[in-house]
Amino acid sequence: MMQTEKIRLKDSNCKSIVLAGVGGQGTLVAGKLLGTIAMKTGLDVKVSEVHGMSQRGGSVITYVRMGCKVFSPIIDPGTADYCLCFEPLEALRWAPLLKERGTIIVNDAPVLPLPVLLGKEQYPEGIAEALEKACGIRARVIQIKAKDAAVSAGSAKAVNMVMLGALSVFADIPEAVWDEAIRETFSDKPKLIPMNLEAFRIGRDLVI
């Protein structure tokens, strides 16, 4: 099994994380939470968001770069340590950003774009195989049932916490720090905190 270098608290090398999905999947919240994690652990962090037609299921991508000193939020092709992809087609779209020996974690549940829902186009077949072919030799591909896990935690909207739980396995950051950041992120909606904590832990267990 291909090994990847962990995100560490004290590391001279900046770590680059791509979060890619479609509108409504919580990628922006996940990026914000990663920024909180970085600050809590004393790391410099830069977060950049690119919005598509998010209300219609358009592509949404967030760049997160953290380390001792970060000068730019931009992640160039072939330089991302981790790609956290909330939707299979988006994973295939953004896989070129992943670096050699990087890790891409993919939610295997597709979100059908508007043209597909209207019957004007077909959702591509064989995405998982194409992704393995594109990345499997040079990088690690991990496909998980994040939507099913989120539903078991209480809501399909918790996919973002499941994905972060999976990512946390590759980070040298105490679980207590993640818990604290999740509680802060949802402090304005306290009833959602237990569900999101559970989704995070289920996501972690999917990879451990």
N, C-alpha and C. Protein backbone atom coordinates (compact mmCIF):
# COMPACT_ATOMS: atom_id res chain seq x y z
N MET A 1 0.85 -1.20 0.00
CA MET A 1 0.00 0.00 0.00
C MET A 1 0.88 1.25 0.00
N MET A 2 0.57 2.19 -0.87
CA MET A 2 1.35 3.41 -0.97
C MET A 2 1.17 4.26 0.29
N GLN A 3 2.26 4.71 0.86
CA GLN A 3 2.21 5.55 2.06
C GLN A 3 2.37 7.02 1.68
N THR A 4 1.66 7.89 2.40
CA THR A 4 1.77 9.32 2.16
C THR A 4 2.20 10.02 3.44
N GLU A 5 2.87 11.12 3.27
CA GLU A 5 3.39 11.87 4.41
C GLU A 5 2.25 12.57 5.15
N LYS A 6 2.26 12.47 6.46
CA LYS A 6 1.17 13.05 7.25
C LYS A 6 1.29 14.56 7.39
N ILE A 7 0.14 15.18 7.65
CA ILE A 7 0.11 16.59 8.03
C ILE A 7 0.59 16.65 9.47
N ARG A 8 1.64 17.38 9.74
CA ARG A 8 2.21 17.40 11.08
C ARG A 8 2.13 18.81 11.68
N LEU A 9 2.13 18.82 13.03
CA LEU A 9 2.01 20.10 13.73
C LEU A 9 3.23 20.98 13.49
N LYS A 10 4.39 20.39 13.53
CA LYS A 10 5.63 21.14 13.34
C LYS A 10 6.35 20.59 12.13
N ASP A 11 6.13 21.19 11.01
CA ASP A 11 6.66 20.69 9.75
C ASP A 11 7.07 21.88 8.89
N SER A 12 8.29 21.88 8.44
CA SER A 12 8.77 23.01 7.64
C SER A 12 8.11 23.03 6.26
N ASN A 13 7.56 21.90 5.85
CA ASN A 13 6.93 21.82 4.53
C ASN A 13 5.45 22.17 4.62
N CYS A 14 5.01 23.03 3.74
CA CYS A 14 3.60 23.39 3.68
C CYS A 14 2.80 22.23 3.09
N LYS A 15 1.63 21.97 3.65
CA LYS A 15 0.76 20.93 3.13
C LYS A 15 -0.40 21.57 2.36
N SER A 16 -0.71 21.01 1.20
CA SER A 16 -1.75 21.55 0.33
C SER A 16 -2.91 20.56 0.24
N ILE A 17 -4.12 21.06 0.52
CA ILE A 17 -5.32 20.23 0.54
C ILE A 17 -6.36 20.83 -0.39
N VAL A 18 -6.89 20.02 -1.29
CA VAL A 18 -7.96 20.43 -2.19
C VAL A 18 -9.27 19.80 -1.73
N LEU A 19 -10.32 20.62 -1.61
CA LEU A 19 -11.65 20.11 -1.32
C LEU A 19 -12.53 20.43 -2.53
N ALA A 20 -13.03 19.38 -3.17
CA ALA A 20 -13.79 19.58 -4.40
C ALA A 20 -15.13 18.88 -4.31
N GLY A 21 -16.17 19.58 -4.73
CA GLY A 21 -17.51 18.99 -4.72
C GLY A 21 -18.45 19.86 -5.52
N VAL A 22 -19.73 19.76 -5.18
CA VAL A 22 -20.73 20.59 -5.83
C VAL A 22 -21.50 21.36 -4.76
N GLY A 23 -22.24 22.36 -5.21
CA GLY A 23 -22.96 23.20 -4.28
C GLY A 23 -23.90 22.40 -3.37
N GLY A 24 -23.88 22.75 -2.09
CA GLY A 24 -24.75 22.10 -1.13
C GLY A 24 -24.13 20.94 -0.39
N GLN A 25 -22.88 20.57 -0.74
CA GLN A 25 -22.24 19.44 -0.07
C GLN A 25 -21.40 19.85 1.14
N GLY A 26 -21.28 21.14 1.39
CA GLY A 26 -20.55 21.58 2.58
C GLY A 26 -19.05 21.67 2.42
N THR A 27 -18.56 21.80 1.19
CA THR A 27 -17.11 21.92 0.99
C THR A 27 -16.56 23.20 1.60
N LEU A 28 -17.33 24.28 1.53
CA LEU A 28 -16.85 25.55 2.06
C LEU A 28 -16.76 25.50 3.58
N VAL A 29 -17.74 24.85 4.21
CA VAL A 29 -17.70 24.68 5.68
C VAL A 29 -16.49 23.83 6.07
N ALA A 30 -16.23 22.78 5.28
CA ALA A 30 -15.08 21.92 5.56
C ALA A 30 -13.77 22.70 5.44
N GLY A 31 -13.67 23.58 4.44
CA GLY A 31 -12.48 24.41 4.29
C GLY A 31 -12.29 25.35 5.46
N LYS A 32 -13.39 25.95 5.90
CA LYS A 32 -13.34 26.84 7.07
C LYS A 32 -12.88 26.08 8.30
N LEU A 33 -13.37 24.86 8.46
CA LEU A 33 -12.99 24.07 9.63
C LEU A 33 -11.51 23.71 9.60
N LEU A 34 -10.99 23.39 8.43
CA LEU A 34 -9.56 23.11 8.31
C LEU A 34 -8.73 24.33 8.66
N GLY A 35 -9.22 25.51 8.27
CA GLY A 35 -8.54 26.74 8.65
C GLY A 35 -8.51 26.91 10.16
N THR A 36 -9.60 26.57 10.81
CA THR A 36 -9.67 26.64 12.28
C THR A 36 -8.69 25.66 12.91
N ILE A 37 -8.63 24.45 12.35
CA ILE A 37 -7.69 23.44 12.85
C ILE A 37 -6.26 23.95 12.78
N ALA A 38 -5.90 24.52 11.64
CA ALA A 38 -4.54 25.01 11.45
C ALA A 38 -4.20 26.08 12.49
N MET A 39 -5.10 27.02 12.71
CA MET A 39 -4.85 28.09 13.68
C MET A 39 -4.74 27.55 15.10
N LYS A 40 -5.54 26.55 15.42
CA LYS A 40 -5.52 25.98 16.76
C LYS A 40 -4.22 25.24 17.05
N THR A 41 -3.59 24.76 15.98
CA THR A 41 -2.34 24.01 16.15
C THR A 41 -1.11 24.88 15.88
N GLY A 42 -1.31 26.18 15.74
CA GLY A 42 -0.20 27.10 15.59
C GLY A 42 0.39 27.15 14.19
N LEU A 43 -0.35 26.67 13.19
CA LEU A 43 0.14 26.70 11.82
C LEU A 43 -0.38 27.93 11.09
N ASP A 44 0.42 28.42 10.17
CA ASP A 44 -0.04 29.46 9.26
C ASP A 44 -0.97 28.79 8.25
N VAL A 45 -1.99 29.50 7.78
CA VAL A 45 -2.93 28.89 6.85
C VAL A 45 -3.47 29.92 5.89
N LYS A 46 -3.70 29.49 4.65
CA LYS A 46 -4.35 30.30 3.63
C LYS A 46 -5.47 29.45 3.01
N VAL A 47 -6.66 30.04 2.88
CA VAL A 47 -7.80 29.34 2.31
C VAL A 47 -8.34 30.16 1.15
N SER A 48 -8.54 29.51 0.01
CA SER A 48 -9.07 30.19 -1.17
C SER A 48 -10.24 29.37 -1.71
N GLU A 49 -11.35 30.05 -2.02
CA GLU A 49 -12.55 29.36 -2.50
C GLU A 49 -12.90 29.81 -3.91
N VAL A 50 -13.29 28.85 -4.74
CA VAL A 50 -13.75 29.14 -6.09
C VAL A 50 -15.15 28.57 -6.22
N HIS A 51 -16.14 29.43 -6.42
CA HIS A 51 -17.53 29.01 -6.48
C HIS A 51 -17.99 28.87 -7.93
N GLY A 52 -18.70 27.79 -8.20
CA GLY A 52 -19.38 27.65 -9.48
C GLY A 52 -20.83 28.07 -9.27
N MET A 53 -21.73 27.49 -10.05
CA MET A 53 -23.16 27.77 -9.86
C MET A 53 -23.65 26.87 -8.74
N SER A 54 -23.23 27.22 -7.50
CA SER A 54 -23.41 26.32 -6.37
C SER A 54 -24.87 26.00 -6.09
N GLN A 55 -25.78 26.94 -6.32
CA GLN A 55 -27.18 26.68 -6.03
C GLN A 55 -27.78 25.68 -7.01
N ARG A 56 -27.15 25.47 -8.14
CA ARG A 56 -27.64 24.51 -9.14
C ARG A 56 -26.74 23.28 -9.21
N GLY A 57 -25.99 23.04 -8.17
CA GLY A 57 -25.12 21.88 -8.17
C GLY A 57 -23.84 22.06 -8.94
N GLY A 58 -23.43 23.30 -9.14
CA GLY A 58 -22.20 23.58 -9.87
C GLY A 58 -20.97 23.25 -9.05
N SER A 59 -19.84 23.16 -9.73
CA SER A 59 -18.58 22.80 -9.10
C SER A 59 -18.13 23.86 -8.09
N VAL A 60 -17.68 23.38 -6.93
CA VAL A 60 -17.13 24.25 -5.90
C VAL A 60 -15.81 23.65 -5.43
N ILE A 61 -14.76 24.44 -5.43
CA ILE A 61 -13.46 23.94 -5.01
C ILE A 61 -12.84 24.90 -4.01
N THR A 62 -12.22 24.34 -2.98
CA THR A 62 -11.56 25.12 -1.95
C THR A 62 -10.11 24.66 -1.83
N TYR A 63 -9.19 25.62 -1.81
CA TYR A 63 -7.78 25.31 -1.59
C TYR A 63 -7.43 25.67 -0.15
N VAL A 64 -6.77 24.75 0.54
CA VAL A 64 -6.29 25.00 1.89
C VAL A 64 -4.80 24.67 1.93
N ARG A 65 -4.00 25.64 2.35
CA ARG A 65 -2.56 25.41 2.49
C ARG A 65 -2.16 25.78 3.90
N MET A 66 -1.48 24.85 4.59
CA MET A 66 -1.09 25.09 5.97
C MET A 66 0.34 24.64 6.21
N GLY A 67 1.03 25.34 7.10
CA GLY A 67 2.41 25.03 7.42
C GLY A 67 2.99 26.09 8.32
N CYS A 68 4.30 26.03 8.54
CA CYS A 68 4.95 27.02 9.39
C CYS A 68 4.80 28.42 8.80
N LYS A 69 4.90 28.53 7.47
CA LYS A 69 4.72 29.80 6.79
C LYS A 69 4.14 29.55 5.41
N VAL A 70 2.99 30.16 5.13
CA VAL A 70 2.33 29.98 3.85
C VAL A 70 2.27 31.32 3.14
N PHE A 71 2.76 31.37 1.91
CA PHE A 71 2.82 32.63 1.18
C PHE A 71 1.69 32.78 0.15
N SER A 72 1.10 31.67 -0.26
CA SER A 72 0.05 31.75 -1.29
C SER A 72 -0.99 30.67 -1.07
N PRO A 73 -2.26 30.96 -1.35
CA PRO A 73 -3.30 29.93 -1.21
C PRO A 73 -3.46 29.07 -2.45
N ILE A 74 -2.77 29.39 -3.51
CA ILE A 74 -2.96 28.71 -4.78
C ILE A 74 -2.26 27.34 -4.79
N ILE A 75 -2.98 26.35 -5.31
CA ILE A 75 -2.43 25.00 -5.44
C ILE A 75 -2.31 24.69 -6.93
N ASP A 76 -1.10 24.57 -7.40
CA ASP A 76 -0.86 24.31 -8.82
C ASP A 76 -1.04 22.83 -9.15
N PRO A 77 -1.27 22.50 -10.41
CA PRO A 77 -1.37 21.09 -10.81
C PRO A 77 -0.15 20.29 -10.38
N GLY A 78 -0.41 19.10 -9.87
CA GLY A 78 0.67 18.21 -9.45
C GLY A 78 1.31 18.57 -8.13
N THR A 79 0.66 19.39 -7.29
CA THR A 79 1.28 19.81 -6.03
C THR A 79 0.43 19.53 -4.79
N ALA A 80 -0.80 19.06 -4.95
CA ALA A 80 -1.67 18.84 -3.79
C ALA A 80 -1.28 17.56 -3.06
N ASP A 81 -1.10 17.66 -1.75
CA ASP A 81 -0.81 16.48 -0.94
C ASP A 81 -2.04 15.61 -0.78
N TYR A 82 -3.19 16.28 -0.64
CA TYR A 82 -4.46 15.57 -0.45
C TYR A 82 -5.54 16.22 -1.29
N CYS A 83 -6.38 15.38 -1.90
CA CYS A 83 -7.60 15.86 -2.55
C CYS A 83 -8.77 15.18 -1.86
N LEU A 84 -9.65 15.99 -1.33
CA LEU A 84 -10.84 15.49 -0.65
C LEU A 84 -12.01 15.78 -1.57
N CYS A 85 -12.51 14.75 -2.25
CA CYS A 85 -13.49 14.95 -3.30
C CYS A 85 -14.85 14.40 -2.88
N PHE A 86 -15.82 15.30 -2.83
CA PHE A 86 -17.14 14.97 -2.31
C PHE A 86 -18.05 14.32 -3.34
N GLU A 87 -17.57 14.19 -4.59
CA GLU A 87 -18.40 13.67 -5.67
C GLU A 87 -17.47 13.05 -6.73
N PRO A 88 -17.81 11.87 -7.28
CA PRO A 88 -16.89 11.17 -8.17
C PRO A 88 -16.44 11.94 -9.40
N LEU A 89 -17.38 12.59 -10.09
CA LEU A 89 -17.01 13.32 -11.30
C LEU A 89 -16.09 14.49 -10.98
N GLU A 90 -16.31 15.13 -9.84
CA GLU A 90 -15.43 16.22 -9.41
C GLU A 90 -14.05 15.68 -9.08
N ALA A 91 -14.00 14.46 -8.56
CA ALA A 91 -12.70 13.84 -8.27
C ALA A 91 -11.90 13.67 -9.55
N LEU A 92 -12.56 13.19 -10.60
CA LEU A 92 -11.89 12.99 -11.88
C LEU A 92 -11.47 14.33 -12.48
N ARG A 93 -12.31 15.35 -12.29
CA ARG A 93 -12.03 16.68 -12.83
C ARG A 93 -10.78 17.29 -12.19
N TRP A 94 -10.63 17.12 -10.89
CA TRP A 94 -9.56 17.81 -10.17
C TRP A 94 -8.37 16.91 -9.81
N ALA A 95 -8.41 15.65 -10.21
CA ALA A 95 -7.31 14.72 -9.92
C ALA A 95 -5.94 15.22 -10.40
N PRO A 96 -5.85 15.96 -11.52
CA PRO A 96 -4.53 16.45 -11.95
C PRO A 96 -3.83 17.36 -10.94
N LEU A 97 -4.56 17.88 -9.96
CA LEU A 97 -3.91 18.71 -8.94
C LEU A 97 -3.08 17.87 -7.96
N LEU A 98 -3.36 16.57 -7.89
CA LEU A 98 -2.70 15.70 -6.92
C LEU A 98 -1.24 15.45 -7.30
N LYS A 99 -0.38 15.47 -6.30
CA LYS A 99 1.04 15.27 -6.56
C LYS A 99 1.40 13.78 -6.51
N GLU A 100 2.60 13.48 -6.93
CA GLU A 100 3.14 12.13 -6.83
C GLU A 100 3.13 11.70 -5.37
N ARG A 101 2.60 10.50 -5.12
CA ARG A 101 2.50 9.92 -3.78
C ARG A 101 1.53 10.69 -2.88
N GLY A 102 0.65 11.45 -3.49
CA GLY A 102 -0.41 12.11 -2.73
C GLY A 102 -1.55 11.14 -2.46
N THR A 103 -2.60 11.64 -1.83
CA THR A 103 -3.76 10.82 -1.49
C THR A 103 -5.03 11.53 -1.92
N ILE A 104 -5.92 10.81 -2.61
CA ILE A 104 -7.22 11.35 -2.98
C ILE A 104 -8.30 10.49 -2.32
N ILE A 105 -9.17 11.15 -1.56
CA ILE A 105 -10.27 10.47 -0.87
C ILE A 105 -11.56 10.88 -1.56
N VAL A 106 -12.34 9.89 -1.99
CA VAL A 106 -13.51 10.17 -2.85
C VAL A 106 -14.78 9.60 -2.23
N ASN A 107 -15.80 10.44 -2.13
CA ASN A 107 -17.14 9.98 -1.81
C ASN A 107 -17.71 9.32 -3.06
N ASP A 108 -18.14 8.06 -2.95
CA ASP A 108 -18.51 7.32 -4.16
C ASP A 108 -19.94 7.60 -4.65
N ALA A 109 -20.68 8.47 -3.95
CA ALA A 109 -22.07 8.75 -4.34
C ALA A 109 -22.14 9.92 -5.31
N PRO A 110 -22.62 9.71 -6.53
CA PRO A 110 -22.70 10.81 -7.50
C PRO A 110 -23.81 11.79 -7.17
N VAL A 111 -23.60 13.05 -7.56
CA VAL A 111 -24.64 14.07 -7.51
C VAL A 111 -24.92 14.45 -8.96
N LEU A 112 -26.12 14.17 -9.42
CA LEU A 112 -26.43 14.37 -10.83
C LEU A 112 -26.54 15.85 -11.17
N PRO A 113 -25.78 16.33 -12.16
CA PRO A 113 -25.87 17.73 -12.58
C PRO A 113 -27.23 18.02 -13.22
N LEU A 114 -27.55 19.31 -13.31
CA LEU A 114 -28.84 19.73 -13.85
C LEU A 114 -29.11 19.18 -15.25
N PRO A 115 -28.14 19.24 -16.19
CA PRO A 115 -28.41 18.71 -17.53
C PRO A 115 -28.79 17.22 -17.51
N VAL A 116 -28.22 16.46 -16.57
CA VAL A 116 -28.56 15.04 -16.44
C VAL A 116 -29.97 14.89 -15.90
N LEU A 117 -30.30 15.69 -14.89
CA LEU A 117 -31.64 15.64 -14.31
C LEU A 117 -32.71 16.02 -15.33
N LEU A 118 -32.34 16.91 -16.27
CA LEU A 118 -33.29 17.33 -17.30
C LEU A 118 -33.33 16.37 -18.49
N GLY A 119 -32.48 15.35 -18.45
CA GLY A 119 -32.46 14.37 -19.51
C GLY A 119 -31.71 14.80 -20.76
N LYS A 120 -30.95 15.89 -20.66
CA LYS A 120 -30.21 16.39 -21.82
C LYS A 120 -28.84 15.72 -21.97
N GLU A 121 -28.31 15.20 -20.88
CA GLU A 121 -27.01 14.53 -20.91
C GLU A 121 -27.07 13.30 -20.03
N GLN A 122 -26.04 12.45 -20.14
CA GLN A 122 -25.94 11.28 -19.29
C GLN A 122 -24.74 11.42 -18.36
N TYR A 123 -24.91 10.93 -17.15
CA TYR A 123 -23.79 10.94 -16.20
C TYR A 123 -22.77 9.90 -16.68
N PRO A 124 -21.50 10.27 -16.74
CA PRO A 124 -20.49 9.34 -17.27
C PRO A 124 -20.41 8.04 -16.47
N GLU A 125 -20.13 6.95 -17.15
CA GLU A 125 -19.94 5.66 -16.51
C GLU A 125 -18.44 5.39 -16.34
N GLY A 126 -18.14 4.48 -15.44
CA GLY A 126 -16.76 4.04 -15.26
C GLY A 126 -15.84 5.08 -14.64
N ILE A 127 -16.40 6.00 -13.83
CA ILE A 127 -15.57 7.05 -13.23
C ILE A 127 -14.56 6.47 -12.25
N ALA A 128 -14.98 5.52 -11.42
CA ALA A 128 -14.06 4.94 -10.44
C ALA A 128 -12.86 4.29 -11.12
N GLU A 129 -13.13 3.57 -12.20
CA GLU A 129 -12.05 2.92 -12.94
C GLU A 129 -11.13 3.96 -13.60
N ALA A 130 -11.73 5.01 -14.15
CA ALA A 130 -10.94 6.06 -14.79
C ALA A 130 -10.06 6.77 -13.77
N LEU A 131 -10.58 6.96 -12.57
CA LEU A 131 -9.82 7.63 -11.52
C LEU A 131 -8.64 6.76 -11.08
N GLU A 132 -8.89 5.47 -10.93
CA GLU A 132 -7.81 4.55 -10.57
C GLU A 132 -6.74 4.55 -11.65
N LYS A 133 -7.16 4.58 -12.91
CA LYS A 133 -6.21 4.59 -14.01
C LYS A 133 -5.39 5.87 -14.03
N ALA A 134 -6.05 7.00 -13.71
CA ALA A 134 -5.37 8.30 -13.74
C ALA A 134 -4.42 8.48 -12.56
N CYS A 135 -4.79 7.94 -11.40
CA CYS A 135 -4.02 8.24 -10.18
C CYS A 135 -3.38 7.02 -9.52
N GLY A 136 -3.92 5.84 -9.79
CA GLY A 136 -3.55 4.67 -9.02
C GLY A 136 -2.08 4.30 -9.03
N ILE A 137 -1.38 4.61 -10.10
CA ILE A 137 0.03 4.25 -10.18
C ILE A 137 0.89 5.23 -9.39
N ARG A 138 0.55 6.51 -9.48
CA ARG A 138 1.41 7.53 -8.87
C ARG A 138 0.91 8.03 -7.52
N ALA A 139 -0.34 7.71 -7.16
CA ALA A 139 -0.91 8.24 -5.92
C ALA A 139 -1.87 7.22 -5.32
N ARG A 140 -2.32 7.51 -4.12
CA ARG A 140 -3.21 6.61 -3.40
C ARG A 140 -4.65 7.06 -3.57
N VAL A 141 -5.52 6.15 -4.01
CA VAL A 141 -6.94 6.45 -4.19
C VAL A 141 -7.75 5.70 -3.14
N ILE A 142 -8.54 6.44 -2.36
CA ILE A 142 -9.39 5.83 -1.33
C ILE A 142 -10.83 6.23 -1.62
N GLN A 143 -11.67 5.26 -1.93
CA GLN A 143 -13.07 5.53 -2.21
C GLN A 143 -13.91 5.06 -1.03
N ILE A 144 -14.76 5.94 -0.51
CA ILE A 144 -15.56 5.61 0.67
C ILE A 144 -17.04 5.93 0.41
N LYS A 145 -17.89 5.29 1.17
CA LYS A 145 -19.34 5.53 1.08
C LYS A 145 -19.71 6.61 2.09
N ALA A 146 -19.29 7.83 1.77
CA ALA A 146 -19.47 8.95 2.71
C ALA A 146 -20.94 9.32 2.89
N LYS A 147 -21.72 9.23 1.82
CA LYS A 147 -23.14 9.59 1.94
C LYS A 147 -23.86 8.61 2.85
N ASP A 148 -23.61 7.31 2.66
CA ASP A 148 -24.24 6.31 3.52
C ASP A 148 -23.83 6.52 4.98
N ALA A 149 -22.55 6.85 5.19
CA ALA A 149 -22.06 7.08 6.54
C ALA A 149 -22.73 8.30 7.16
N ALA A 150 -22.90 9.34 6.36
CA ALA A 150 -23.54 10.56 6.86
C ALA A 150 -24.99 10.29 7.26
N VAL A 151 -25.69 9.52 6.44
CA VAL A 151 -27.08 9.17 6.74
C VAL A 151 -27.16 8.38 8.05
N SER A 152 -26.22 7.47 8.25
CA SER A 152 -26.22 6.68 9.48
C SER A 152 -25.93 7.54 10.71
N ALA A 153 -25.25 8.67 10.49
CA ALA A 153 -24.97 9.59 11.59
C ALA A 153 -26.16 10.51 11.88
N GLY A 154 -27.07 10.61 10.92
CA GLY A 154 -28.26 11.42 11.16
C GLY A 154 -28.71 12.29 10.02
N SER A 155 -27.83 12.56 9.02
CA SER A 155 -28.21 13.43 7.92
C SER A 155 -27.23 13.31 6.76
N ALA A 156 -27.77 13.26 5.54
CA ALA A 156 -26.91 13.23 4.35
C ALA A 156 -26.08 14.50 4.24
N LYS A 157 -26.51 15.58 4.90
CA LYS A 157 -25.77 16.84 4.85
C LYS A 157 -24.45 16.77 5.62
N ALA A 158 -24.25 15.70 6.38
CA ALA A 158 -23.02 15.57 7.17
C ALA A 158 -21.90 14.89 6.39
N VAL A 159 -22.05 14.80 5.07
CA VAL A 159 -21.00 14.20 4.24
C VAL A 159 -19.67 14.90 4.46
N ASN A 160 -19.70 16.23 4.62
CA ASN A 160 -18.45 16.97 4.80
C ASN A 160 -17.70 16.53 6.05
N MET A 161 -18.42 16.22 7.13
CA MET A 161 -17.76 15.78 8.36
C MET A 161 -17.22 14.36 8.21
N VAL A 162 -17.93 13.53 7.46
CA VAL A 162 -17.43 12.18 7.19
C VAL A 162 -16.11 12.27 6.42
N MET A 163 -16.07 13.14 5.42
CA MET A 163 -14.86 13.30 4.62
C MET A 163 -13.70 13.83 5.45
N LEU A 164 -13.99 14.78 6.34
CA LEU A 164 -12.93 15.31 7.20
C LEU A 164 -12.44 14.24 8.17
N GLY A 165 -13.36 13.40 8.64
CA GLY A 165 -12.95 12.30 9.51
C GLY A 165 -11.98 11.38 8.80
N ALA A 166 -12.26 11.10 7.52
CA ALA A 166 -11.36 10.26 6.73
C ALA A 166 -10.00 10.93 6.57
N LEU A 167 -10.00 12.23 6.29
CA LEU A 167 -8.74 12.97 6.14
C LEU A 167 -7.94 13.00 7.43
N SER A 168 -8.63 13.05 8.57
CA SER A 168 -7.94 13.19 9.86
C SER A 168 -7.01 12.03 10.16
N VAL A 169 -7.27 10.88 9.55
CA VAL A 169 -6.40 9.72 9.75
C VAL A 169 -4.98 10.02 9.28
N PHE A 170 -4.87 10.92 8.32
CA PHE A 170 -3.56 11.24 7.73
C PHE A 170 -2.95 12.51 8.33
N ALA A 171 -3.50 12.97 9.44
CA ALA A 171 -3.01 14.20 10.07
C ALA A 171 -2.52 13.91 11.48
N ASP A 172 -1.33 14.38 11.78
CA ASP A 172 -0.76 14.22 13.12
C ASP A 172 -1.34 15.31 14.02
N ILE A 173 -2.66 15.29 14.18
CA ILE A 173 -3.38 16.30 14.94
C ILE A 173 -4.33 15.57 15.88
N PRO A 174 -4.27 15.83 17.18
CA PRO A 174 -5.12 15.10 18.14
C PRO A 174 -6.60 15.20 17.80
N GLU A 175 -7.32 14.11 18.03
CA GLU A 175 -8.75 14.09 17.73
C GLU A 175 -9.50 15.15 18.55
N ALA A 176 -8.99 15.45 19.74
CA ALA A 176 -9.64 16.46 20.58
C ALA A 176 -9.64 17.83 19.92
N VAL A 177 -8.61 18.12 19.13
CA VAL A 177 -8.55 19.40 18.42
C VAL A 177 -9.61 19.45 17.33
N TRP A 178 -9.79 18.34 16.63
CA TRP A 178 -10.85 18.27 15.62
C TRP A 178 -12.23 18.46 16.28
N ASP A 179 -12.44 17.79 17.40
CA ASP A 179 -13.72 17.90 18.10
C ASP A 179 -14.01 19.35 18.49
N GLU A 180 -12.99 20.01 19.02
CA GLU A 180 -13.15 21.40 19.44
C GLU A 180 -13.50 22.30 18.25
N ALA A 181 -12.83 22.06 17.13
CA ALA A 181 -13.08 22.87 15.93
C ALA A 181 -14.49 22.63 15.40
N ILE A 182 -14.96 21.39 15.45
CA ILE A 182 -16.32 21.09 15.00
C ILE A 182 -17.34 21.78 15.89
N ARG A 183 -17.11 21.74 17.19
CA ARG A 183 -18.03 22.40 18.12
C ARG A 183 -18.08 23.91 17.86
N GLU A 184 -16.94 24.51 17.56
CA GLU A 184 -16.91 25.95 17.28
C GLU A 184 -17.60 26.26 15.96
N THR A 185 -17.37 25.42 14.96
CA THR A 185 -17.96 25.65 13.63
C THR A 185 -19.48 25.65 13.69
N PHE A 186 -20.04 24.79 14.54
CA PHE A 186 -21.50 24.68 14.63
C PHE A 186 -22.04 25.26 15.93
N SER A 187 -21.30 26.20 16.50
CA SER A 187 -21.72 26.80 17.77
C SER A 187 -23.05 27.54 17.66
N ASP A 188 -23.37 28.03 16.45
CA ASP A 188 -24.64 28.73 16.25
C ASP A 188 -25.81 27.78 16.03
N LYS A 189 -25.48 26.48 15.87
CA LYS A 189 -26.51 25.46 15.71
C LYS A 189 -26.16 24.27 16.62
N PRO A 190 -26.24 24.47 17.93
CA PRO A 190 -25.77 23.46 18.88
C PRO A 190 -26.43 22.09 18.74
N LYS A 191 -27.66 22.04 18.23
CA LYS A 191 -28.34 20.76 18.08
C LYS A 191 -27.67 19.87 17.03
N LEU A 192 -26.89 20.50 16.14
CA LEU A 192 -26.24 19.74 15.07
C LEU A 192 -24.87 19.20 15.49
N ILE A 193 -24.36 19.65 16.63
CA ILE A 193 -23.01 19.26 17.04
C ILE A 193 -22.86 17.75 17.24
N PRO A 194 -23.73 17.09 18.03
CA PRO A 194 -23.56 15.64 18.22
C PRO A 194 -23.56 14.86 16.91
N MET A 195 -24.45 15.22 15.99
CA MET A 195 -24.52 14.52 14.71
C MET A 195 -23.24 14.69 13.91
N ASN A 196 -22.70 15.90 13.87
CA ASN A 196 -21.48 16.15 13.11
C ASN A 196 -20.26 15.49 13.74
N LEU A 197 -20.22 15.43 15.05
CA LEU A 197 -19.14 14.71 15.73
C LEU A 197 -19.21 13.22 15.40
N GLU A 198 -20.42 12.67 15.39
CA GLU A 198 -20.59 11.26 15.06
C GLU A 198 -20.20 10.99 13.62
N ALA A 199 -20.59 11.88 12.70
CA ALA A 199 -20.23 11.71 11.29
C ALA A 199 -18.72 11.74 11.12
N PHE A 200 -18.05 12.62 11.84
CA PHE A 200 -16.59 12.70 11.79
C PHE A 200 -15.97 11.38 12.24
N ARG A 201 -16.45 10.84 13.33
CA ARG A 201 -15.87 9.60 13.87
C ARG A 201 -16.14 8.42 12.95
N ILE A 202 -17.32 8.38 12.34
CA ILE A 202 -17.61 7.30 11.39
C ILE A 202 -16.67 7.41 10.18
N GLY A 203 -16.46 8.63 9.69
CA GLY A 203 -15.55 8.84 8.58
C GLY A 203 -14.14 8.39 8.91
N ARG A 204 -13.72 8.66 10.12
CA ARG A 204 -12.39 8.24 10.56
C ARG A 204 -12.28 6.71 10.55
N ASP A 205 -13.35 6.06 11.04
CA ASP A 205 -13.34 4.61 11.12
C ASP A 205 -13.35 3.95 9.74
N LEU A 206 -13.84 4.65 8.73
CA LEU A 206 -13.89 4.10 7.38
C LEU A 206 -12.49 3.89 6.80
N VAL A 207 -11.53 4.64 7.32
CA VAL A 207 -10.17 4.60 6.75
C VAL A 207 -9.19 3.87 7.67
N ILE A 208 -9.41 3.95 8.97
CA ILE A 208 -8.49 3.30 9.91
C ILE A 208 -8.45 1.78 9.68
